[in-house]
N, C-alpha and C. Protein backbone atom coordinates (compact mmCIF):
# COMPACT_ATOMS: atom_id res chain seq x y z
N MET A 1 -30.55 23.40 -20.04
CA MET A 1 -30.34 23.41 -18.60
C MET A 1 -28.87 23.72 -18.31
N ALA A 2 -28.63 24.66 -17.44
CA ALA A 2 -27.27 25.02 -17.08
C ALA A 2 -26.72 23.99 -16.09
N ILE A 3 -25.46 23.67 -16.25
CA ILE A 3 -24.82 22.72 -15.36
C ILE A 3 -24.27 23.49 -14.19
N GLU A 4 -24.83 23.22 -12.99
CA GLU A 4 -24.45 23.95 -11.79
C GLU A 4 -23.87 23.00 -10.75
N VAL A 5 -22.88 23.47 -10.02
CA VAL A 5 -22.27 22.68 -8.96
C VAL A 5 -23.35 22.30 -7.94
N GLY A 6 -23.38 21.01 -7.57
CA GLY A 6 -24.34 20.51 -6.60
C GLY A 6 -25.57 19.88 -7.21
N SER A 7 -25.80 20.11 -8.50
CA SER A 7 -26.99 19.54 -9.13
C SER A 7 -26.76 18.08 -9.51
N LYS A 8 -27.85 17.30 -9.45
CA LYS A 8 -27.82 15.90 -9.86
C LYS A 8 -28.49 15.79 -11.21
N ILE A 9 -27.78 15.14 -12.14
CA ILE A 9 -28.30 15.02 -13.50
C ILE A 9 -28.04 13.63 -14.06
N GLN A 10 -28.80 13.27 -15.07
CA GLN A 10 -28.62 12.01 -15.77
C GLN A 10 -27.60 12.21 -16.87
N GLY A 11 -26.80 11.17 -17.09
CA GLY A 11 -25.82 11.23 -18.16
C GLY A 11 -25.57 9.85 -18.73
N LYS A 12 -24.79 9.82 -19.80
CA LYS A 12 -24.49 8.56 -20.47
C LYS A 12 -22.98 8.41 -20.56
N VAL A 13 -22.48 7.25 -20.15
CA VAL A 13 -21.04 6.99 -20.19
C VAL A 13 -20.61 6.90 -21.65
N THR A 14 -19.64 7.75 -22.02
CA THR A 14 -19.17 7.78 -23.41
C THR A 14 -17.76 7.23 -23.56
N GLY A 15 -17.06 7.11 -22.45
CA GLY A 15 -15.70 6.60 -22.53
C GLY A 15 -15.20 6.16 -21.17
N ILE A 16 -14.30 5.16 -21.19
CA ILE A 16 -13.73 4.64 -19.95
C ILE A 16 -12.21 4.68 -20.08
N THR A 17 -11.54 5.16 -19.04
CA THR A 17 -10.09 5.15 -18.99
C THR A 17 -9.68 4.49 -17.67
N LYS A 18 -8.39 4.30 -17.45
CA LYS A 18 -7.95 3.69 -16.20
C LYS A 18 -8.14 4.63 -15.01
N PHE A 19 -8.32 5.93 -15.26
CA PHE A 19 -8.47 6.88 -14.17
C PHE A 19 -9.89 7.39 -13.98
N GLY A 20 -10.83 6.98 -14.83
CA GLY A 20 -12.20 7.45 -14.67
C GLY A 20 -13.06 7.17 -15.88
N ALA A 21 -14.25 7.79 -15.87
CA ALA A 21 -15.20 7.61 -16.96
C ALA A 21 -15.69 8.98 -17.43
N PHE A 22 -15.84 9.11 -18.73
CA PHE A 22 -16.39 10.33 -19.30
C PHE A 22 -17.89 10.15 -19.46
N VAL A 23 -18.64 11.13 -18.97
CA VAL A 23 -20.10 11.06 -19.00
C VAL A 23 -20.63 12.30 -19.72
N GLU A 24 -21.45 12.05 -20.76
CA GLU A 24 -22.08 13.15 -21.47
C GLU A 24 -23.32 13.55 -20.69
N VAL A 25 -23.35 14.80 -20.19
CA VAL A 25 -24.46 15.27 -19.37
C VAL A 25 -25.44 16.12 -20.16
N GLU A 26 -24.98 16.68 -21.26
CA GLU A 26 -25.81 17.42 -22.19
C GLU A 26 -25.20 17.19 -23.56
N PRO A 27 -25.97 17.32 -24.62
CA PRO A 27 -25.36 17.16 -25.94
C PRO A 27 -24.17 18.10 -26.11
N GLY A 28 -23.01 17.51 -26.35
CA GLY A 28 -21.80 18.30 -26.53
C GLY A 28 -21.07 18.66 -25.25
N LYS A 29 -21.62 18.30 -24.08
CA LYS A 29 -20.97 18.60 -22.81
C LYS A 29 -20.69 17.30 -22.08
N THR A 30 -19.39 17.07 -21.83
CA THR A 30 -18.95 15.84 -21.18
C THR A 30 -18.14 16.19 -19.94
N GLY A 31 -18.36 15.41 -18.88
CA GLY A 31 -17.62 15.58 -17.64
C GLY A 31 -16.89 14.30 -17.29
N LEU A 32 -16.00 14.39 -16.32
CA LEU A 32 -15.22 13.24 -15.89
C LEU A 32 -15.63 12.81 -14.49
N VAL A 33 -15.90 11.50 -14.34
CA VAL A 33 -16.09 10.90 -13.03
C VAL A 33 -14.77 10.22 -12.71
N HIS A 34 -14.01 10.77 -11.77
CA HIS A 34 -12.73 10.16 -11.39
C HIS A 34 -13.01 8.79 -10.78
N ILE A 35 -12.07 7.88 -10.92
CA ILE A 35 -12.24 6.50 -10.42
C ILE A 35 -12.59 6.47 -8.93
N SER A 36 -12.11 7.45 -8.17
CA SER A 36 -12.39 7.51 -6.73
C SER A 36 -13.83 7.94 -6.44
N GLU A 37 -14.53 8.44 -7.45
CA GLU A 37 -15.90 8.91 -7.28
C GLU A 37 -16.93 7.97 -7.90
N VAL A 38 -16.51 6.75 -8.27
CA VAL A 38 -17.42 5.80 -8.90
C VAL A 38 -18.25 5.04 -7.86
N ALA A 39 -17.61 4.60 -6.78
CA ALA A 39 -18.30 3.79 -5.77
C ALA A 39 -17.76 4.10 -4.40
N ASP A 40 -18.52 3.69 -3.37
CA ASP A 40 -18.10 3.92 -2.00
C ASP A 40 -16.99 2.98 -1.56
N LYS A 41 -16.71 1.96 -2.36
CA LYS A 41 -15.62 1.06 -2.01
C LYS A 41 -14.49 1.23 -3.01
N TYR A 42 -13.35 0.59 -2.72
CA TYR A 42 -12.17 0.70 -3.58
C TYR A 42 -12.46 0.15 -4.96
N VAL A 43 -12.13 0.92 -5.98
CA VAL A 43 -12.34 0.52 -7.37
C VAL A 43 -10.97 0.33 -8.01
N GLU A 44 -10.65 -0.92 -8.31
CA GLU A 44 -9.37 -1.20 -8.96
C GLU A 44 -9.53 -1.10 -10.48
N ASN A 45 -10.62 -1.66 -10.99
CA ASN A 45 -10.87 -1.64 -12.43
C ASN A 45 -12.25 -1.03 -12.66
N ILE A 46 -12.27 0.13 -13.25
CA ILE A 46 -13.52 0.87 -13.45
C ILE A 46 -14.51 0.09 -14.32
N SER A 47 -14.00 -0.76 -15.19
CA SER A 47 -14.87 -1.55 -16.07
C SER A 47 -15.71 -2.57 -15.29
N ASP A 48 -15.33 -2.85 -14.05
CA ASP A 48 -16.14 -3.74 -13.21
C ASP A 48 -17.42 -3.04 -12.75
N PHE A 49 -17.46 -1.71 -12.85
CA PHE A 49 -18.60 -0.94 -12.38
C PHE A 49 -19.38 -0.26 -13.50
N LEU A 50 -18.67 0.16 -14.56
CA LEU A 50 -19.31 0.92 -15.64
C LEU A 50 -18.93 0.38 -17.01
N SER A 51 -19.81 0.62 -17.96
CA SER A 51 -19.55 0.28 -19.37
C SER A 51 -19.99 1.45 -20.22
N VAL A 52 -19.39 1.58 -21.40
CA VAL A 52 -19.79 2.62 -22.34
C VAL A 52 -21.26 2.40 -22.69
N GLY A 53 -22.04 3.47 -22.63
CA GLY A 53 -23.47 3.39 -22.94
C GLY A 53 -24.35 3.34 -21.70
N ASP A 54 -23.77 3.11 -20.53
CA ASP A 54 -24.56 3.07 -19.29
C ASP A 54 -25.17 4.43 -19.00
N GLU A 55 -26.42 4.42 -18.53
CA GLU A 55 -27.08 5.64 -18.07
C GLU A 55 -26.80 5.75 -16.57
N VAL A 56 -26.27 6.89 -16.14
CA VAL A 56 -25.92 7.07 -14.73
C VAL A 56 -26.43 8.42 -14.22
N THR A 57 -26.67 8.46 -12.91
CA THR A 57 -26.99 9.73 -12.25
C THR A 57 -25.70 10.23 -11.63
N VAL A 58 -25.36 11.47 -11.90
CA VAL A 58 -24.12 12.05 -11.40
C VAL A 58 -24.42 13.37 -10.68
N LYS A 59 -23.53 13.71 -9.77
CA LYS A 59 -23.61 15.00 -9.08
C LYS A 59 -22.47 15.85 -9.60
N VAL A 60 -22.77 17.09 -9.93
CA VAL A 60 -21.75 18.01 -10.43
C VAL A 60 -20.95 18.52 -9.23
N MET A 61 -19.65 18.20 -9.23
CA MET A 61 -18.79 18.58 -8.12
C MET A 61 -18.09 19.91 -8.39
N LYS A 62 -17.70 20.13 -9.64
CA LYS A 62 -17.06 21.41 -9.99
C LYS A 62 -17.17 21.65 -11.48
N VAL A 63 -17.19 22.93 -11.83
CA VAL A 63 -17.17 23.37 -13.22
C VAL A 63 -16.06 24.40 -13.30
N GLU A 64 -15.01 24.06 -14.03
CA GLU A 64 -13.86 24.96 -14.11
C GLU A 64 -14.04 25.99 -15.22
N ASP A 65 -13.24 27.05 -15.15
CA ASP A 65 -13.33 28.14 -16.12
C ASP A 65 -13.08 27.66 -17.55
N ASP A 66 -12.22 26.64 -17.70
CA ASP A 66 -11.91 26.15 -19.04
C ASP A 66 -12.96 25.16 -19.57
N GLY A 67 -14.05 24.96 -18.79
CA GLY A 67 -15.14 24.11 -19.25
C GLY A 67 -15.10 22.68 -18.73
N LYS A 68 -14.05 22.31 -18.02
CA LYS A 68 -13.97 20.96 -17.48
C LYS A 68 -15.02 20.79 -16.38
N ILE A 69 -15.67 19.62 -16.39
CA ILE A 69 -16.73 19.34 -15.43
C ILE A 69 -16.33 18.13 -14.60
N GLY A 70 -16.28 18.29 -13.29
CA GLY A 70 -15.97 17.19 -12.37
C GLY A 70 -17.26 16.60 -11.84
N LEU A 71 -17.41 15.28 -11.96
CA LEU A 71 -18.64 14.61 -11.59
C LEU A 71 -18.39 13.52 -10.55
N SER A 72 -19.45 13.13 -9.84
CA SER A 72 -19.37 12.04 -8.87
C SER A 72 -20.62 11.18 -8.97
N ILE A 73 -20.43 9.87 -9.08
CA ILE A 73 -21.56 8.95 -9.05
C ILE A 73 -21.90 8.61 -7.60
N ARG A 74 -20.88 8.37 -6.79
CA ARG A 74 -21.13 7.94 -5.41
C ARG A 74 -21.82 9.03 -4.59
N LYS A 75 -21.54 10.28 -4.84
CA LYS A 75 -22.18 11.36 -4.09
C LYS A 75 -23.57 11.68 -4.63
N ALA A 76 -23.92 11.14 -5.77
CA ALA A 76 -25.25 11.36 -6.33
C ALA A 76 -26.27 10.39 -5.74
N GLN A 77 -25.79 9.36 -5.06
CA GLN A 77 -26.69 8.36 -4.48
C GLN A 77 -27.35 8.94 -3.24
N ASP A 78 -28.67 8.78 -3.16
CA ASP A 78 -29.42 9.29 -2.01
C ASP A 78 -29.42 8.28 -0.89
N ARG A 79 -28.51 8.50 0.08
CA ARG A 79 -28.43 7.65 1.26
C ARG A 79 -28.10 8.51 2.44
N PRO A 80 -28.61 8.13 3.60
CA PRO A 80 -28.24 8.90 4.80
C PRO A 80 -26.74 8.88 5.03
N GLN A 81 -26.20 9.94 5.60
CA GLN A 81 -24.76 10.07 5.80
C GLN A 81 -24.18 8.91 6.60
N GLU A 82 -24.91 8.43 7.64
CA GLU A 82 -24.34 7.38 8.48
C GLU A 82 -24.23 6.04 7.78
N GLU A 83 -24.92 5.83 6.65
CA GLU A 83 -24.81 4.57 5.92
C GLU A 83 -23.57 4.51 5.05
N ARG A 84 -22.98 5.64 4.73
CA ARG A 84 -21.83 5.66 3.85
C ARG A 84 -20.60 5.13 4.57
N PRO A 85 -19.84 4.25 3.93
CA PRO A 85 -18.63 3.76 4.56
C PRO A 85 -17.62 4.88 4.71
N LYS A 86 -16.90 4.84 5.81
CA LYS A 86 -15.87 5.85 6.02
C LYS A 86 -14.57 5.34 5.46
N SER A 87 -13.94 6.12 4.61
CA SER A 87 -12.69 5.72 3.97
C SER A 87 -11.52 6.00 4.89
N SER A 88 -10.57 5.08 4.91
CA SER A 88 -9.37 5.31 5.70
C SER A 88 -8.32 6.05 4.89
N GLY A 89 -8.65 6.32 3.62
CA GLY A 89 -7.71 7.06 2.78
C GLY A 89 -6.72 6.17 2.08
N SER A 90 -6.63 4.90 2.46
CA SER A 90 -5.64 4.03 1.86
C SER A 90 -6.25 3.12 0.80
N GLY A 91 -7.57 3.19 0.62
CA GLY A 91 -8.20 2.31 -0.35
C GLY A 91 -8.53 0.94 0.22
N ARG A 92 -8.13 0.70 1.46
CA ARG A 92 -8.42 -0.58 2.09
C ARG A 92 -9.42 -0.35 3.21
N PRO A 93 -10.30 -1.32 3.46
CA PRO A 93 -11.25 -1.14 4.55
C PRO A 93 -10.55 -1.12 5.90
N LYS A 94 -11.11 -0.39 6.84
CA LYS A 94 -10.54 -0.34 8.18
C LYS A 94 -10.84 -1.64 8.89
N SER A 95 -9.93 -2.07 9.74
CA SER A 95 -10.20 -3.26 10.54
C SER A 95 -10.98 -2.82 11.77
N GLY A 96 -11.88 -3.66 12.21
CA GLY A 96 -12.62 -3.36 13.42
C GLY A 96 -13.91 -2.61 13.18
N GLY A 97 -14.26 -2.32 11.96
CA GLY A 97 -15.52 -1.65 11.67
C GLY A 97 -15.54 -0.22 12.18
N ASP A 98 -16.73 0.24 12.56
CA ASP A 98 -16.91 1.61 13.03
C ASP A 98 -16.94 1.70 14.55
N ARG A 99 -16.52 0.65 15.26
CA ARG A 99 -16.56 0.68 16.71
C ARG A 99 -15.46 1.60 17.24
N PRO A 100 -15.76 2.32 18.30
CA PRO A 100 -14.70 3.12 18.91
C PRO A 100 -13.70 2.21 19.59
N ARG A 101 -12.44 2.60 19.59
CA ARG A 101 -11.40 1.79 20.21
C ARG A 101 -11.27 2.15 21.67
N GLY A 102 -11.49 1.15 22.52
CA GLY A 102 -11.25 1.32 23.94
C GLY A 102 -12.24 2.22 24.65
N GLY A 103 -13.19 2.80 23.97
CA GLY A 103 -14.15 3.68 24.61
C GLY A 103 -15.39 2.92 25.02
N SER A 104 -16.07 3.42 26.05
CA SER A 104 -17.27 2.75 26.49
C SER A 104 -18.52 3.46 26.00
N LYS A 105 -18.36 4.65 25.42
CA LYS A 105 -19.51 5.38 24.92
C LYS A 105 -19.96 4.81 23.59
N PRO A 106 -21.27 4.80 23.34
CA PRO A 106 -21.73 4.39 22.01
C PRO A 106 -21.26 5.41 20.97
N PRO A 107 -21.11 5.01 19.70
CA PRO A 107 -20.57 5.91 18.67
C PRO A 107 -21.32 7.23 18.55
N GLN A 108 -22.65 7.26 18.72
CA GLN A 108 -23.39 8.49 18.52
C GLN A 108 -23.13 9.52 19.62
N GLN A 109 -22.57 9.10 20.78
CA GLN A 109 -22.31 10.04 21.86
C GLN A 109 -20.90 10.61 21.82
N GLN A 110 -20.00 9.98 21.06
CA GLN A 110 -18.64 10.51 20.98
C GLN A 110 -18.59 11.65 19.98
N ARG A 111 -17.83 12.67 20.32
CA ARG A 111 -17.68 13.77 19.37
C ARG A 111 -16.64 13.38 18.33
N PRO A 112 -16.82 13.82 17.10
CA PRO A 112 -15.82 13.50 16.08
C PRO A 112 -14.48 14.18 16.41
N ALA A 113 -13.41 13.49 16.10
CA ALA A 113 -12.08 14.04 16.37
C ALA A 113 -11.82 15.23 15.45
N SER A 114 -11.22 16.27 16.01
CA SER A 114 -10.88 17.44 15.21
C SER A 114 -9.64 17.13 14.38
N PHE A 115 -9.36 17.99 13.44
CA PHE A 115 -8.17 17.82 12.61
C PHE A 115 -6.91 17.80 13.47
N GLU A 116 -6.86 18.69 14.45
CA GLU A 116 -5.70 18.77 15.32
C GLU A 116 -5.51 17.47 16.10
N ASP A 117 -6.62 16.88 16.59
CA ASP A 117 -6.54 15.61 17.32
C ASP A 117 -6.02 14.51 16.40
N LYS A 118 -6.54 14.47 15.19
CA LYS A 118 -6.10 13.45 14.23
C LYS A 118 -4.62 13.63 13.89
N MET A 119 -4.21 14.87 13.68
CA MET A 119 -2.81 15.15 13.34
C MET A 119 -1.89 14.78 14.50
N SER A 120 -2.29 15.10 15.71
CA SER A 120 -1.50 14.77 16.89
C SER A 120 -1.34 13.25 17.02
N SER A 121 -2.43 12.52 16.82
CA SER A 121 -2.38 11.07 16.88
C SER A 121 -1.48 10.50 15.80
N PHE A 122 -1.59 11.05 14.60
CA PHE A 122 -0.75 10.60 13.49
C PHE A 122 0.73 10.84 13.79
N MET A 123 1.06 12.03 14.29
CA MET A 123 2.45 12.35 14.59
C MET A 123 3.01 11.42 15.66
N LYS A 124 2.21 11.13 16.68
CA LYS A 124 2.66 10.23 17.75
C LYS A 124 2.93 8.84 17.18
N ASP A 125 2.00 8.30 16.40
CA ASP A 125 2.19 6.99 15.78
C ASP A 125 3.41 6.98 14.87
N SER A 126 3.56 8.05 14.11
CA SER A 126 4.67 8.15 13.18
C SER A 126 6.01 8.15 13.91
N GLU A 127 6.10 8.92 14.99
CA GLU A 127 7.34 8.97 15.78
C GLU A 127 7.67 7.61 16.37
N GLU A 128 6.65 6.90 16.87
CA GLU A 128 6.87 5.57 17.44
C GLU A 128 7.39 4.61 16.37
N ARG A 129 6.81 4.66 15.19
CA ARG A 129 7.25 3.78 14.10
C ARG A 129 8.68 4.11 13.66
N LEU A 130 8.98 5.39 13.57
CA LEU A 130 10.34 5.79 13.18
C LEU A 130 11.36 5.34 14.22
N ALA A 131 11.01 5.43 15.50
CA ALA A 131 11.92 5.00 16.56
C ALA A 131 12.18 3.49 16.44
N THR A 132 11.14 2.73 16.16
CA THR A 132 11.29 1.28 15.99
C THR A 132 12.19 0.97 14.80
N ILE A 133 11.99 1.66 13.70
CA ILE A 133 12.81 1.44 12.50
C ILE A 133 14.26 1.79 12.77
N ARG A 134 14.49 2.90 13.47
CA ARG A 134 15.87 3.30 13.80
C ARG A 134 16.55 2.24 14.66
N LYS A 135 15.84 1.71 15.66
CA LYS A 135 16.42 0.67 16.52
C LYS A 135 16.78 -0.57 15.70
N GLN A 136 15.86 -0.97 14.80
CA GLN A 136 16.11 -2.16 13.97
C GLN A 136 17.29 -1.93 13.04
N THR A 137 17.41 -0.74 12.50
CA THR A 137 18.51 -0.41 11.60
C THR A 137 19.83 -0.41 12.34
N GLU A 138 19.84 0.14 13.56
CA GLU A 138 21.06 0.14 14.37
C GLU A 138 21.50 -1.27 14.71
N LYS A 139 20.56 -2.16 15.05
CA LYS A 139 20.90 -3.55 15.36
C LYS A 139 21.51 -4.25 14.16
N LYS A 140 20.94 -4.02 12.98
CA LYS A 140 21.47 -4.64 11.76
C LYS A 140 22.86 -4.11 11.46
N GLY A 141 23.08 -2.81 11.71
CA GLY A 141 24.39 -2.21 11.46
C GLY A 141 25.46 -2.78 12.36
N LYS A 142 25.13 -3.03 13.64
CA LYS A 142 26.08 -3.60 14.58
C LYS A 142 26.41 -5.04 14.22
N LYS A 143 25.40 -5.81 13.75
CA LYS A 143 25.62 -7.19 13.38
C LYS A 143 26.55 -7.31 12.17
N SER A 144 26.39 -6.41 11.21
CA SER A 144 27.20 -6.49 10.00
C SER A 144 28.65 -6.06 10.24
N ARG A 145 28.93 -5.29 11.30
CA ARG A 145 30.30 -4.85 11.63
C ARG A 145 31.12 -5.96 12.28
N LYS A 146 30.43 -6.92 12.92
CA LYS A 146 31.12 -7.98 13.64
C LYS A 146 31.79 -8.97 12.72
């Protein structure tokens, strides 16, 4: 069977490292499941989730020209998209759940924010934080001069 991007296959964990797990998907063919692709929640220690010899279902994410195979366990799980937790990118759960902030519309009626909207919001928050830090730094500088 050829290993194709997007296919789900059974494999056996052959090795564990601090950054992921090696899974043999065919005799002589091994791919890597990066630690971020093991579970839908933050994984600090991969050994809490996997052990050498475990049989796992993986999804082939990429096959590089040099033969490296990128795999995902969490994306191989058959669950509706809305059940999957949304990552904040920091490895920590978001506070407040999936509720919209300050909006009166139910979540299914709000349109998802575009990249530009998210970037604009990030830049605004970032500028506000930098302004606060600058003010605090200036106050400390004036106190130390006295």
